[in-house]
Amino acid sequence: MNSIFWSVGILAVAIAGILGLRSLPARTRMGFDIVCLALLSLVLYQHGATPLAQPLVASAGSSVVWLRVLTVAWWVLSARVVVAALYFTLRHDGRSRQAKLFVDLLAAAVYVGAALIVLQSVLSLPIGGLVATSGVLAIVLGLALQSTLADVFSGIAVGVEEPFHVGDRISLGNNIEGQVVEMNWRSIRVQTDGADTAIIPNSVVAKLEILNRSVPTRLRSVSVQLWCAAAANPDRVIDVLDEATLLCPSLLESPPPKVALTWIGPRRSRYTVTFSVPDSQLVTSTKSLLLRHARQQLYYAGLFDQRPRGPSEREAERMHSGILSARQILGELALFDCLQPAQLDELAARVATRLLEPGELLFSQGATDCTLYVIASGILEVTQASEGAGTVTLGRLGAGEYIGEIGLLTGAPHAATAQARTHCSIYRLARDALKPLLTANAEMAAAFDQSARRGLALLHRNVAVRATENVGPDSPLLPRILAFFGARPSE
């Protein structure tokens, strides 16, 4: 009687453990199964029974029915332990789909084999008729589950070839691209860039063109096409587009971006910019940024203009080396939104031009020169030195951008260093050029205060803003402008 209670307790603990330990790690569950299997083996041994005996014979004081129950439990636990061991030994790489499918097949074979042994050796039931019936049943199920079976076998074929793993970024056909998040017998799940989950049956995957964006690296090379007037000098256009690539920080320097003239027409020519990014997720944003910078660089180089121009304007542009005049550029800066056309003309007449060679300094961090710098052409690189981080590159500025407005209006020193990355043409506007406007009209200082703050708030001026003194919404900028230019506030 005690042995029966003992065996009942073992079975109860085993069943409770199997149901209650599902959330624990696989190693813990496997260890629990081995302990229960060892205890059941001990109980069977004490009763003089063996799981392989046929027919099962009970010792004195034992019930044959109860021993059969214990033997069935022994075979179930044995199958669980064997399957768990297979998962640990064969699935070294958790990303391998081929290993997963192979282990699943072996696990199914182990459980089926254990069930047949229980039926024949433990329960003494004939299995010949069952096998024959299962063959007919398999044919019926096969006809009913053709699409499902197609997915299963396609999954096996794809798993054997292993064109991708979980975590890889793939492109399927022309419509689906994203990261593989799950692979199972019937389908794969792809997390797209739009935060959607695409579920594609394995039979469909096997027929589509598969591009693995993660192998051998996640690097992605793409290209964009731009059109320019056929009359434009191709060498000049290529140089300007090369400069536009320098303004996109996500572009890889190796392999370097390339610009090529790919088509010539009577009115327009097509240029192709090829570049690389470290990850496919950056392709869309980098394309957008490159096109914006390319448009801006071409515009300020006089190679892209939607406004109709007369012969005199085109001639003036050619005389100005292909770049826009100081008057045109100053009129488009947020800093000078408050000025009238006549005032802009007067200010443009006081602008000086400075040419920089690659590597030449425009100004150094901590220097004070009370000058606004407007880039007419070329690329400036802005760096900042600090004690803890050393020299950090804040970014780059291209044509049409300006830097130094706080120094111009308040005399504050530069918070960063600006150095020419390419050949640059810089328009310089000194404090003395602005002083007559502010001295004659003190209300102009308030307008400049608002314009300066608006310019600092523009997102596309992030690099220039980081290179200047911090001017928050509560900073007393207006009194500093008045004091610096010796103007009195209006009554």
Protein backbone atom coordinates (compact mmCIF):
# COMPACT_ATOMS: atom_id res chain seq x y z
CA MET A 1 0.00 0.00 0.00
CA ASN A 2 2.84 2.40 0.81
CA SER A 3 4.44 1.78 -2.56
CA ILE A 4 1.13 2.65 -4.26
CA PHE A 5 0.88 5.91 -2.35
CA TRP A 6 4.50 6.60 -3.19
CA SER A 7 3.96 6.03 -6.91
CA VAL A 8 0.75 8.07 -6.87
CA GLY A 9 2.69 10.94 -5.32
CA ILE A 10 5.38 10.73 -8.00
CA LEU A 11 2.78 10.81 -10.77
CA ALA A 12 0.98 13.76 -9.20
CA VAL A 13 4.23 15.72 -8.84
CA ALA A 14 5.22 14.88 -12.43
CA ILE A 15 1.87 16.02 -13.86
CA ALA A 16 1.87 19.19 -11.74
CA GLY A 17 5.43 19.95 -12.79
CA ILE A 18 4.73 19.46 -16.49
CA LEU A 19 1.75 21.82 -16.31
CA GLY A 20 3.23 24.37 -13.93
CA LEU A 21 6.81 24.70 -15.16
CA ARG A 22 6.01 25.80 -18.73
CA SER A 23 7.23 29.36 -18.13
CA LEU A 24 10.60 28.24 -16.71
CA PRO A 25 13.76 27.77 -18.85
CA ALA A 26 14.06 24.58 -20.89
CA ARG A 27 17.03 23.37 -18.84
CA THR A 28 14.98 23.54 -15.63
CA ARG A 29 12.08 21.61 -17.20
CA MET A 30 14.45 18.98 -18.57
CA GLY A 31 16.09 18.51 -15.17
CA PHE A 32 12.68 18.07 -13.52
CA ASP A 33 11.67 15.46 -16.13
CA ILE A 34 14.90 13.50 -15.57
CA VAL A 35 14.33 13.42 -11.82
CA CYS A 36 10.74 12.22 -12.23
CA LEU A 37 11.87 9.61 -14.80
CA ALA A 38 14.51 8.29 -12.39
CA LEU A 39 11.95 8.01 -9.57
CA LEU A 40 9.47 6.16 -11.82
CA SER A 41 12.26 3.80 -12.91
CA LEU A 42 13.01 3.10 -9.25
CA VAL A 43 9.37 2.34 -8.49
CA LEU A 44 9.08 -0.01 -11.47
CA TYR A 45 12.29 -1.75 -10.44
CA GLN A 46 11.02 -2.26 -6.89
CA HIS A 47 7.92 -3.95 -8.31
CA GLY A 48 10.01 -6.18 -10.55
CA ALA A 49 8.57 -4.65 -13.71
CA THR A 50 10.28 -3.30 -16.82
CA PRO A 51 8.80 -0.91 -19.41
CA LEU A 52 9.93 -3.27 -22.22
CA ALA A 53 8.21 -6.39 -20.78
CA GLN A 54 5.47 -8.02 -22.88
CA PRO A 55 3.13 -8.92 -21.42
CA LEU A 56 3.60 -6.82 -18.28
CA VAL A 57 3.79 -9.01 -15.17
CA ALA A 58 3.15 -7.65 -11.68
CA SER A 59 4.90 -8.80 -8.55
CA ALA A 60 3.08 -9.98 -5.46
CA GLY A 61 0.91 -7.27 -3.97
CA SER A 62 0.98 -5.15 -7.12
CA SER A 63 -1.77 -4.24 -9.56
CA VAL A 64 -1.14 -4.85 -13.25
CA VAL A 65 -3.36 -1.91 -14.19
CA TRP A 66 -1.45 0.44 -11.92
CA LEU A 67 1.90 -0.76 -13.27
CA ARG A 68 0.65 -0.10 -16.79
CA VAL A 69 -0.24 3.45 -15.77
CA LEU A 70 3.25 3.94 -14.35
CA THR A 71 4.81 2.44 -17.49
CA VAL A 72 2.82 4.77 -19.78
CA ALA A 73 3.99 7.72 -17.67
CA TRP A 74 7.57 6.38 -17.93
CA TRP A 75 7.41 6.31 -21.75
CA VAL A 76 5.90 9.82 -21.93
CA LEU A 77 8.63 11.25 -19.71
CA SER A 78 11.29 9.34 -21.67
CA ALA A 79 10.04 10.85 -24.93
CA ARG A 80 10.07 14.33 -23.36
CA VAL A 81 13.65 13.89 -22.15
CA VAL A 82 14.84 12.57 -25.54
CA VAL A 83 13.18 15.47 -27.40
CA ALA A 84 14.65 18.02 -24.97
CA ALA A 85 18.10 16.46 -25.46
CA LEU A 86 17.68 16.72 -29.23
CA TYR A 87 16.88 20.43 -28.97
CA PHE A 88 19.96 21.05 -26.85
CA THR A 89 22.35 19.04 -29.03
CA LEU A 90 21.12 19.91 -32.53
CA ARG A 91 19.92 23.51 -32.24
CA HIS A 92 23.24 25.19 -31.48
CA ASP A 93 22.30 28.16 -33.65
CA GLY A 94 18.93 29.52 -32.55
CA ARG A 95 18.65 31.42 -35.86
CA SER A 96 18.91 28.23 -37.95
CA ARG A 97 15.57 27.32 -39.44
CA GLN A 98 16.92 24.11 -40.93
CA ALA A 99 17.90 22.84 -37.46
CA LYS A 100 14.47 23.78 -36.07
CA LEU A 101 12.58 21.88 -38.75
CA PHE A 102 14.88 18.87 -38.43
CA VAL A 103 14.46 18.75 -34.65
CA ASP A 104 10.69 19.13 -34.98
CA LEU A 105 10.60 16.17 -37.36
CA LEU A 106 12.70 14.04 -35.01
CA ALA A 107 10.55 15.07 -32.05
CA ALA A 108 7.41 14.03 -33.90
CA ALA A 109 9.04 10.67 -34.76
CA VAL A 110 10.04 10.13 -31.11
CA TYR A 111 6.52 10.79 -29.82
CA VAL A 112 4.92 8.59 -32.49
CA GLY A 113 7.40 5.80 -31.73
CA ALA A 114 6.71 6.08 -27.99
CA ALA A 115 2.95 5.94 -28.63
CA LEU A 116 3.28 2.78 -30.77
CA ILE A 117 5.43 1.08 -28.13
CA VAL A 118 2.88 1.92 -25.44
CA LEU A 119 0.03 0.54 -27.52
CA GLN A 120 1.77 -2.72 -28.38
CA SER A 121 4.10 -3.47 -25.42
CA VAL A 122 2.28 -1.87 -22.51
CA LEU A 123 -1.38 -2.05 -23.44
CA SER A 124 -1.00 -5.22 -25.57
CA LEU A 125 -3.11 -3.79 -28.40
CA PRO A 126 -2.66 -4.88 -32.06
CA ILE A 127 -1.34 -2.00 -34.12
CA GLY A 128 -1.42 -3.58 -37.58
CA GLY A 129 -4.96 -2.43 -38.26
CA LEU A 130 -4.17 1.00 -36.82
CA VAL A 131 -1.24 1.41 -39.20
CA ALA A 132 -3.38 0.42 -42.19
CA THR A 133 -6.14 2.78 -41.12
CA SER A 134 -3.68 5.61 -40.57
CA GLY A 135 -2.47 5.20 -44.17
CA VAL A 136 -5.98 5.77 -45.52
CA LEU A 137 -6.45 8.65 -43.11
CA ALA A 138 -3.15 10.18 -44.26
CA ILE A 139 -4.38 10.16 -47.89
CA VAL A 140 -7.63 11.87 -46.92
CA LEU A 141 -5.86 14.49 -44.85
CA GLY A 142 -3.31 15.05 -47.60
CA LEU A 143 -6.04 15.87 -50.10
CA ALA A 144 -7.79 18.18 -47.61
CA LEU A 145 -4.62 19.97 -46.56
CA GLN A 146 -2.88 20.45 -49.89
CA SER A 147 -2.13 24.15 -49.40
CA THR A 148 -0.96 23.63 -45.83
CA LEU A 149 1.29 20.75 -46.84
CA ALA A 150 2.65 22.87 -49.69
CA ASP A 151 3.59 25.51 -47.12
CA VAL A 152 5.20 22.88 -44.88
CA PHE A 153 7.34 21.29 -47.60
CA SER A 154 8.23 24.70 -49.08
CA GLY A 155 9.31 25.72 -45.59
CA ILE A 156 11.52 22.65 -45.39
CA ALA A 157 13.06 23.45 -48.79
CA VAL A 158 13.68 27.08 -47.86
CA GLY A 159 15.05 25.96 -44.50
CA VAL A 160 17.53 23.60 -46.11
CA GLU A 161 18.80 26.34 -48.43
CA GLU A 162 18.79 28.97 -45.61
CA PRO A 163 18.62 32.15 -47.73
CA PHE A 164 17.90 34.17 -44.56
CA HIS A 165 17.56 33.88 -40.78
CA VAL A 166 15.49 35.53 -38.09
CA GLY A 167 16.79 39.08 -37.66
CA ASP A 168 17.88 39.48 -41.29
CA ARG A 169 16.49 42.26 -43.44
CA ILE A 170 15.08 40.85 -46.67
CA SER A 171 13.21 41.99 -49.75
CA LEU A 172 10.57 39.66 -51.24
CA GLY A 173 9.53 40.48 -54.78
CA ASN A 174 8.71 44.13 -55.37
CA ASN A 175 6.28 44.78 -52.53
CA ILE A 176 7.64 43.49 -49.21
CA GLU A 177 10.81 44.56 -47.43
CA GLY A 178 11.64 44.44 -43.75
CA GLN A 179 13.16 42.42 -40.93
CA VAL A 180 12.35 38.73 -40.42
CA VAL A 181 10.90 38.36 -36.92
CA GLU A 182 9.55 34.79 -37.01
CA MET A 183 9.83 31.64 -39.12
CA ASN A 184 7.58 28.62 -38.63
CA TRP A 185 6.21 25.62 -40.51
CA ARG A 186 3.53 27.52 -42.40
CA SER A 187 4.84 31.05 -42.95
CA ILE A 188 7.35 33.76 -42.12
CA ARG A 189 6.63 37.11 -40.45
CA VAL A 190 8.34 40.27 -41.70
CA GLN A 191 8.33 43.55 -39.78
CA THR A 192 8.15 46.28 -42.42
CA ASP A 193 9.43 49.85 -42.14
CA GLY A 194 5.85 50.99 -41.66
CA ALA A 195 5.64 49.03 -38.36
CA ASP A 196 3.33 46.47 -40.01
CA THR A 197 3.76 42.70 -39.83
CA ALA A 198 3.55 40.90 -43.16
CA ILE A 199 2.73 37.16 -42.95
CA ILE A 200 3.87 35.35 -46.10
CA PRO A 201 3.14 31.61 -46.63
CA ASN A 202 6.20 29.48 -47.26
CA SER A 203 4.85 28.34 -50.63
CA VAL A 204 4.75 31.99 -51.73
CA VAL A 205 8.23 32.71 -50.33
CA ALA A 206 9.68 29.80 -52.30
CA LYS A 207 8.42 31.34 -55.57
CA LEU A 208 9.46 34.97 -54.95
CA GLU A 209 12.79 36.63 -55.63
CA ILE A 210 14.59 36.87 -52.26
CA LEU A 211 17.15 39.59 -51.58
CA ASN A 212 18.96 39.33 -48.25
CA ARG A 213 20.01 42.83 -47.27
CA SER A 214 21.97 41.59 -44.23
CA VAL A 215 24.40 39.21 -45.99
CA PRO A 216 27.35 39.51 -46.22
CA THR A 217 26.84 42.92 -44.50
CA ARG A 218 23.90 45.23 -43.80
CA LEU A 219 25.53 47.85 -46.04
CA ARG A 220 23.22 49.01 -48.82
CA SER A 221 24.25 50.73 -52.06
CA VAL A 222 21.56 52.75 -53.81
CA SER A 223 21.35 55.54 -56.35
CA VAL A 224 19.24 58.61 -57.09
CA GLN A 225 18.77 60.40 -60.38
CA LEU A 226 18.66 64.14 -60.91
CA TRP A 227 18.00 66.23 -63.98
CA CYS A 228 19.79 69.42 -64.95
CA ALA A 229 19.69 71.75 -67.92
CA ALA A 230 21.62 70.39 -70.88
CA ALA A 231 23.43 73.73 -71.23
CA ALA A 232 24.98 73.39 -67.75
CA ASN A 233 28.65 72.47 -67.59
CA PRO A 234 28.72 68.75 -66.65
CA ASP A 235 31.97 69.09 -64.70
CA ARG A 236 30.46 71.89 -62.64
CA VAL A 237 27.28 69.91 -61.98
CA ILE A 238 29.26 66.84 -60.89
CA ASP A 239 31.38 68.96 -58.51
CA VAL A 240 28.25 70.50 -56.97
CA LEU A 241 26.57 67.11 -56.51
CA ASP A 242 29.77 65.76 -54.94
CA GLU A 243 29.54 68.62 -52.45
CA ALA A 244 25.91 67.72 -51.73
CA THR A 245 26.95 64.20 -50.69
CA LEU A 246 29.28 65.71 -48.06
CA LEU A 247 26.26 67.25 -46.34
CA CYS A 248 24.65 63.85 -45.65
CA PRO A 249 26.23 62.37 -42.49
CA SER A 250 24.63 58.93 -42.97
CA LEU A 251 26.48 58.35 -46.26
CA LEU A 252 29.49 56.06 -45.93
CA GLU A 253 32.85 57.43 -46.99
CA SER A 254 33.97 53.95 -48.04
CA PRO A 255 32.94 53.05 -50.66
CA PRO A 256 32.86 56.73 -51.63
CA PRO A 257 29.80 58.26 -53.31
CA LYS A 258 30.03 58.58 -57.09
CA VAL A 259 28.37 61.05 -59.47
CA ALA A 260 28.09 60.26 -63.17
CA LEU A 261 26.45 61.81 -66.23
CA THR A 262 24.21 59.00 -67.47
CA TRP A 263 22.03 60.56 -70.18
CA ILE A 264 22.18 63.62 -72.45
CA GLY A 265 19.12 65.18 -74.06
CA PRO A 266 18.43 68.33 -76.07
CA ARG A 267 17.03 70.16 -73.02
CA ARG A 268 17.98 68.14 -69.97
CA SER A 269 20.74 65.82 -68.86
CA ARG A 270 20.47 63.10 -66.25
CA TYR A 271 22.99 62.60 -63.45
CA THR A 272 23.12 59.55 -61.19
CA VAL A 273 24.46 59.72 -57.64
CA THR A 274 25.44 56.32 -56.20
CA PHE A 275 26.10 56.04 -52.47
CA SER A 276 26.13 53.55 -49.61
CA VAL A 277 24.50 53.58 -46.18
CA PRO A 278 25.25 51.27 -43.24
CA ASP A 279 21.69 49.94 -42.97
CA SER A 280 18.69 49.61 -45.27
CA GLN A 281 16.50 51.49 -42.79
CA LEU A 282 18.47 54.66 -43.62
CA VAL A 283 17.83 54.51 -47.37
CA THR A 284 14.61 56.54 -47.51
CA SER A 285 15.71 59.30 -45.13
CA THR A 286 19.14 59.56 -46.76
CA LYS A 287 17.64 59.83 -50.24
CA SER A 288 15.36 62.64 -49.06
CA LEU A 289 18.23 64.50 -47.39
CA LEU A 290 20.50 64.09 -50.41
CA LEU A 291 17.85 65.38 -52.83
CA ARG A 292 17.20 68.42 -50.62
CA HIS A 293 20.89 69.26 -50.39
CA ALA A 294 21.42 68.60 -54.10
CA ARG A 295 18.60 70.97 -54.98
CA GLN A 296 20.00 73.66 -52.67
CA GLN A 297 23.57 73.30 -53.92
CA LEU A 298 22.48 73.40 -57.57
CA TYR A 299 20.28 76.42 -56.92
CA TYR A 300 22.99 78.49 -55.24
CA ALA A 301 25.44 77.43 -57.95
CA GLY A 302 23.09 78.98 -60.52
CA LEU A 303 22.38 75.56 -62.05
CA PHE A 304 18.82 75.15 -60.79
CA ASP A 305 16.34 78.00 -60.86
CA GLN A 306 12.58 77.84 -61.35
CA ARG A 307 12.19 81.61 -61.76
CA PRO A 308 12.10 83.06 -65.28
CA ARG A 309 15.12 85.24 -66.00
CA GLY A 310 15.86 87.69 -68.74
CA PRO A 311 19.05 87.89 -70.80
CA SER A 312 20.61 90.52 -68.51
CA GLU A 313 20.13 88.34 -65.43
CA ARG A 314 21.63 85.29 -67.10
CA GLU A 315 24.61 87.33 -68.22
CA ALA A 316 25.10 88.73 -64.73
CA GLU A 317 25.02 85.19 -63.37
CA ARG A 318 27.70 84.05 -65.81
CA MET A 319 29.88 87.02 -64.87
CA HIS A 320 29.58 85.99 -61.24
CA SER A 321 31.29 82.64 -61.79
CA GLY A 322 28.02 80.73 -61.81
CA ILE A 323 27.00 81.46 -58.17
CA LEU A 324 24.21 83.70 -56.97
CA SER A 325 25.03 87.28 -56.09
CA ALA A 326 25.32 88.56 -52.53
CA ARG A 327 22.06 90.49 -52.98
CA GLN A 328 20.18 87.33 -53.99
CA ILE A 329 21.55 85.23 -51.13
CA LEU A 330 21.06 87.92 -48.44
CA GLY A 331 17.45 88.33 -49.57
CA GLU A 332 16.77 84.66 -48.82
CA LEU A 333 18.29 84.52 -45.32
CA ALA A 334 15.91 84.41 -42.35
CA LEU A 335 18.16 86.90 -40.55
CA PHE A 336 17.30 89.69 -43.00
CA ASP A 337 13.56 89.11 -43.33
CA CYS A 338 12.96 92.48 -41.65
CA LEU A 339 14.86 94.55 -44.27
CA GLN A 340 13.33 96.41 -47.18
CA PRO A 341 14.69 95.91 -50.72
CA ALA A 342 16.57 99.23 -50.60
CA GLN A 343 18.17 98.29 -47.29
CA LEU A 344 19.19 94.90 -48.69
CA ASP A 345 20.81 96.64 -51.66
CA GLU A 346 22.74 98.90 -49.32
CA LEU A 347 23.83 95.96 -47.19
CA ALA A 348 24.85 93.85 -50.20
CA ALA A 349 27.06 96.68 -51.43
CA ARG A 350 29.11 96.34 -48.23
CA VAL A 351 29.61 92.56 -48.55
CA ALA A 352 33.17 91.33 -49.08
CA THR A 353 34.12 88.01 -50.67
CA ARG A 354 36.69 85.59 -49.30
CA LEU A 355 37.97 82.51 -51.11
CA LEU A 356 39.15 79.49 -49.12
CA GLU A 357 41.27 76.54 -50.15
CA PRO A 358 40.45 73.06 -48.78
CA GLY A 359 41.70 72.82 -45.20
CA GLU A 360 41.93 76.60 -44.69
CA LEU A 361 40.40 78.04 -41.51
CA LEU A 362 37.56 80.53 -41.71
CA PHE A 363 37.59 81.24 -37.98
CA SER A 364 38.74 79.51 -34.80
CA GLN A 365 36.87 78.59 -31.66
CA GLY A 366 37.02 81.45 -29.13
CA ALA A 367 37.92 84.09 -31.74
CA THR A 368 35.91 87.31 -31.93
CA ASP A 369 35.51 89.02 -35.30
CA CYS A 370 31.88 90.32 -35.27
CA THR A 371 31.27 89.02 -38.79
CA LEU A 372 28.47 87.10 -40.46
CA TYR A 373 29.65 84.46 -42.90
CA VAL A 374 27.40 83.36 -45.76
CA ILE A 375 28.50 80.41 -47.88
CA ALA A 376 28.11 81.19 -51.57
CA SER A 377 29.68 77.91 -52.73
CA GLY A 378 31.61 75.01 -51.25
CA ILE A 379 31.41 73.11 -47.97
CA LEU A 380 32.49 74.23 -44.47
CA GLU A 381 33.20 71.73 -41.71
CA VAL A 382 32.41 72.86 -38.17
CA THR A 383 34.27 71.31 -35.21
CA GLN A 384 34.25 71.99 -31.49
CA ALA A 385 36.95 71.21 -28.94
CA SER A 386 36.21 70.34 -25.31
CA GLU A 387 38.32 69.05 -22.46
CA GLY A 388 36.46 65.78 -21.97
CA ALA A 389 35.54 64.71 -25.50
CA GLY A 390 38.40 66.24 -27.51
CA THR A 391 37.58 67.63 -30.94
CA VAL A 392 34.09 66.74 -32.15
CA THR A 393 32.74 67.35 -35.66
CA LEU A 394 29.42 69.16 -35.31
CA GLY A 395 28.59 68.88 -39.00
CA ARG A 396 28.97 70.60 -42.35
CA LEU A 397 27.44 73.65 -43.99
CA GLY A 398 26.78 74.17 -47.67
CA ALA A 399 25.85 76.97 -50.05
CA GLY A 400 23.05 79.23 -48.88
CA GLU A 401 23.75 78.65 -45.18
CA TYR A 402 25.19 81.19 -42.78
CA ILE A 403 27.00 81.19 -39.48
CA GLY A 404 28.09 83.79 -36.95
CA GLU A 405 24.91 85.89 -36.59
CA ILE A 406 25.17 86.08 -32.80
CA GLY A 407 28.75 87.32 -33.07
CA LEU A 408 27.65 89.89 -35.65
CA LEU A 409 24.84 91.23 -33.43
CA THR A 410 26.44 90.96 -29.98
CA GLY A 411 30.20 90.53 -30.44
CA ALA A 412 30.15 87.10 -28.77
CA PRO A 413 33.15 84.84 -29.54
CA HIS A 414 32.77 81.84 -31.82
CA ALA A 415 31.83 78.62 -30.01
CA ALA A 416 33.38 76.38 -32.69
CA THR A 417 35.95 76.28 -35.49
CA ALA A 418 34.98 76.49 -39.17
CA GLN A 419 37.30 75.03 -41.80
CA ALA A 420 36.91 74.67 -45.56
CA ARG A 421 36.30 71.09 -46.67
CA THR A 422 36.30 72.06 -50.36
CA HIS A 423 37.05 75.19 -52.34
CA CYS A 424 34.74 77.81 -50.84
CA SER A 425 33.47 81.26 -51.73
CA ILE A 426 32.34 83.07 -48.58
CA TYR A 427 30.44 86.35 -48.34
CA ARG A 428 31.57 88.37 -45.30
CA LEU A 429 29.29 90.94 -43.66
CA ALA A 430 31.07 92.89 -40.92
CA ARG A 431 29.58 94.79 -37.98
CA ASP A 432 30.39 98.14 -39.62
CA ALA A 433 28.10 97.25 -42.56
CA LEU A 434 25.14 96.74 -40.23
CA LYS A 435 25.81 99.60 -37.83
CA PRO A 436 24.35 102.43 -39.99
CA LEU A 437 20.99 100.61 -40.19
CA LEU A 438 20.72 100.09 -36.45
CA THR A 439 22.00 103.54 -35.54
CA ALA A 440 19.47 105.27 -37.78
CA ASN A 441 16.55 103.08 -36.72
CA ALA A 442 16.60 101.61 -33.21
CA GLU A 443 13.41 99.62 -33.92
CA MET A 444 15.47 97.61 -36.37
CA ALA A 445 17.28 96.02 -33.41
CA ALA A 446 14.03 94.42 -32.21
CA ALA A 447 13.39 93.13 -35.72
CA PHE A 448 16.88 91.63 -35.84
CA ASP A 449 16.29 90.06 -32.43
CA GLN A 450 13.20 88.28 -33.76
CA SER A 451 14.87 87.31 -37.03
CA ALA A 452 17.92 85.91 -35.24
CA ARG A 453 15.75 83.81 -32.93
CA ARG A 454 13.68 82.58 -35.88
CA GLY A 455 16.86 81.61 -37.75
CA LEU A 456 18.19 79.74 -34.72
CA ALA A 457 14.92 77.79 -34.47
CA LEU A 458 15.08 76.47 -38.04
CA LEU A 459 15.72 72.73 -38.08
CA HIS A 460 17.93 72.79 -41.16
CA ARG A 461 20.35 75.15 -39.36
CA ASN A 462 21.14 72.65 -36.63
CA VAL A 463 24.90 72.62 -37.33
CA ALA A 464 25.22 76.43 -37.36
CA VAL A 465 23.12 76.75 -34.20
CA ARG A 466 25.31 74.25 -32.32
CA ALA A 467 28.36 76.29 -33.33
CA THR A 468 27.07 79.51 -31.79
CA GLU A 469 26.41 80.82 -28.32
CA ASN A 470 23.33 79.37 -26.64
CA VAL A 471 20.49 81.85 -27.03
CA GLY A 472 17.41 80.58 -25.28
CA PRO A 473 13.91 82.11 -25.38
CA ASP A 474 14.60 84.06 -22.18
CA SER A 475 18.07 85.27 -23.16
CA PRO A 476 18.37 89.11 -23.16
CA LEU A 477 19.49 89.31 -26.77
CA LEU A 478 17.87 92.65 -27.65
CA PRO A 479 19.66 94.70 -24.93
CA ARG A 480 22.96 93.17 -26.02
CA ILE A 481 22.33 94.17 -29.64
CA LEU A 482 21.47 97.74 -28.63
CA ALA A 483 24.48 98.02 -26.37
CA PHE A 484 26.85 96.53 -28.93
CA PHE A 485 25.81 98.96 -31.69
CA GLY A 486 25.39 101.95 -29.37
CA ALA A 487 21.71 102.36 -30.28
CA ARG A 488 19.07 103.60 -27.92
CA PRO A 489 15.77 101.84 -27.44
CA SER A 490 12.82 103.58 -29.04
CA GLU A 491 10.46 105.43 -26.73
